[in-house]
Amino acid sequence: MEQIITPEEREIMRNAYVFLSTHCNPPANHDECACDWWLETVQEMGHVCAAWNNHPLAIEILIALCNYIEGKAKKKTEEADHV
């Protein structure tokens, strides 16, 4: 059976890539800009999901990306605490 990604799925994944590219470098959790950075990131996540009428793929991918980015922020925080 041939697997074909739909144009909609392709564009959602493209938007997810742009989202990650824009938000791939989070601040450490104790940085003074962390709250504003996360607020902006979550708002952008909401905008992307809304643009796709809360398509399940968009929601799942963006949640996964936010979890991934959160892990990067935690690692930065731990590294800064050990210096």
Protein backbone atom coordinates (compact mmCIF):
# COMPACT_ATOMS: atom_id res chain seq x y z
CA MET A 1 0.00 0.00 0.00
CA GLU A 2 1.43 3.33 -1.05
CA GLN A 3 1.88 5.89 1.72
CA ILE A 4 1.18 9.45 0.65
CA ILE A 5 1.46 12.47 2.88
CA THR A 6 -1.28 14.99 2.20
CA PRO A 7 -0.48 18.55 1.21
CA GLU A 8 -2.02 19.66 4.51
CA GLU A 9 0.24 17.33 6.51
CA ARG A 10 3.28 18.53 4.56
CA GLU A 11 2.50 22.16 5.34
CA ILE A 12 1.86 21.41 9.02
CA MET A 13 5.27 19.74 9.21
CA ARG A 14 6.84 22.71 7.42
CA ASN A 15 5.25 25.06 9.96
CA ALA A 16 6.51 22.84 12.78
CA TYR A 17 10.03 23.06 11.33
CA VAL A 18 9.81 26.86 11.23
CA PHE A 19 8.50 26.86 14.81
CA LEU A 20 11.43 24.75 16.00
CA SER A 21 13.91 26.86 14.04
CA THR A 22 12.58 29.98 15.71
CA HIS A 23 12.42 28.54 19.23
CA CYS A 24 15.30 26.03 19.28
CA ASN A 25 17.48 27.95 21.73
CA PRO A 26 15.55 28.48 24.98
CA PRO A 27 17.06 30.38 27.89
CA ALA A 28 17.92 28.63 31.14
CA ASN A 29 14.92 28.51 33.45
CA HIS A 30 16.37 31.03 35.90
CA ASP A 31 17.27 33.61 33.25
CA GLU A 32 15.40 36.87 33.63
CA CYS A 33 14.02 36.58 30.10
CA ALA A 34 12.74 32.99 30.53
CA CYS A 35 9.13 33.86 31.42
CA ASP A 36 8.74 36.24 28.49
CA TRP A 37 10.49 33.80 26.15
CA TRP A 38 8.16 30.95 27.13
CA LEU A 39 5.08 33.16 26.91
CA GLU A 40 6.04 34.13 23.36
CA THR A 41 6.78 30.50 22.48
CA VAL A 42 3.45 29.21 23.78
CA GLN A 43 1.58 32.03 22.05
CA GLU A 44 3.27 31.15 18.77
CA MET A 45 2.36 27.51 19.33
CA GLY A 46 -1.27 28.58 19.73
CA HIS A 47 -1.13 30.66 16.55
CA VAL A 48 0.24 27.75 14.52
CA CYS A 49 -2.39 25.36 15.88
CA ALA A 50 -5.17 27.88 15.26
CA ALA A 51 -3.96 28.45 11.70
CA TRP A 52 -4.60 24.74 11.10
CA ASN A 53 -7.97 24.77 12.91
CA ASN A 54 -6.40 22.72 15.71
CA HIS A 55 -5.59 19.85 13.37
CA PRO A 56 -4.51 16.86 15.52
CA LEU A 57 -1.15 16.58 13.74
CA ALA A 58 -0.33 20.23 14.43
CA ILE A 59 -1.26 19.89 18.10
CA GLU A 60 0.67 16.66 18.65
CA ILE A 61 3.80 17.84 16.84
CA LEU A 62 3.89 21.22 18.57
CA ILE A 63 3.36 19.67 22.01
CA ALA A 64 6.24 17.29 21.28
CA LEU A 65 8.43 20.17 20.14
CA CYS A 66 7.62 22.19 23.27
CA ASN A 67 8.52 19.19 25.43
CA TYR A 68 11.79 18.84 23.53
CA ILE A 69 12.57 22.54 23.92
CA GLU A 70 11.70 22.35 27.62
CA GLY A 71 14.27 19.58 27.98
CA LYS A 72 16.88 21.82 26.38
CA ALA A 73 16.02 24.61 28.84
CA LYS A 74 16.31 22.22 31.79
CA LYS A 75 19.71 21.05 30.57
CA LYS A 76 20.93 24.65 30.28
CA THR A 77 19.63 25.32 33.79
CA GLU A 78 21.43 22.28 35.22
CA GLU A 79 24.66 23.19 33.43
CA ALA A 80 24.50 26.76 34.73
CA ASP A 81 23.84 25.52 38.28
CA HIS A 82 26.95 23.32 38.17
CA VAL A 83 29.29 26.15 37.17
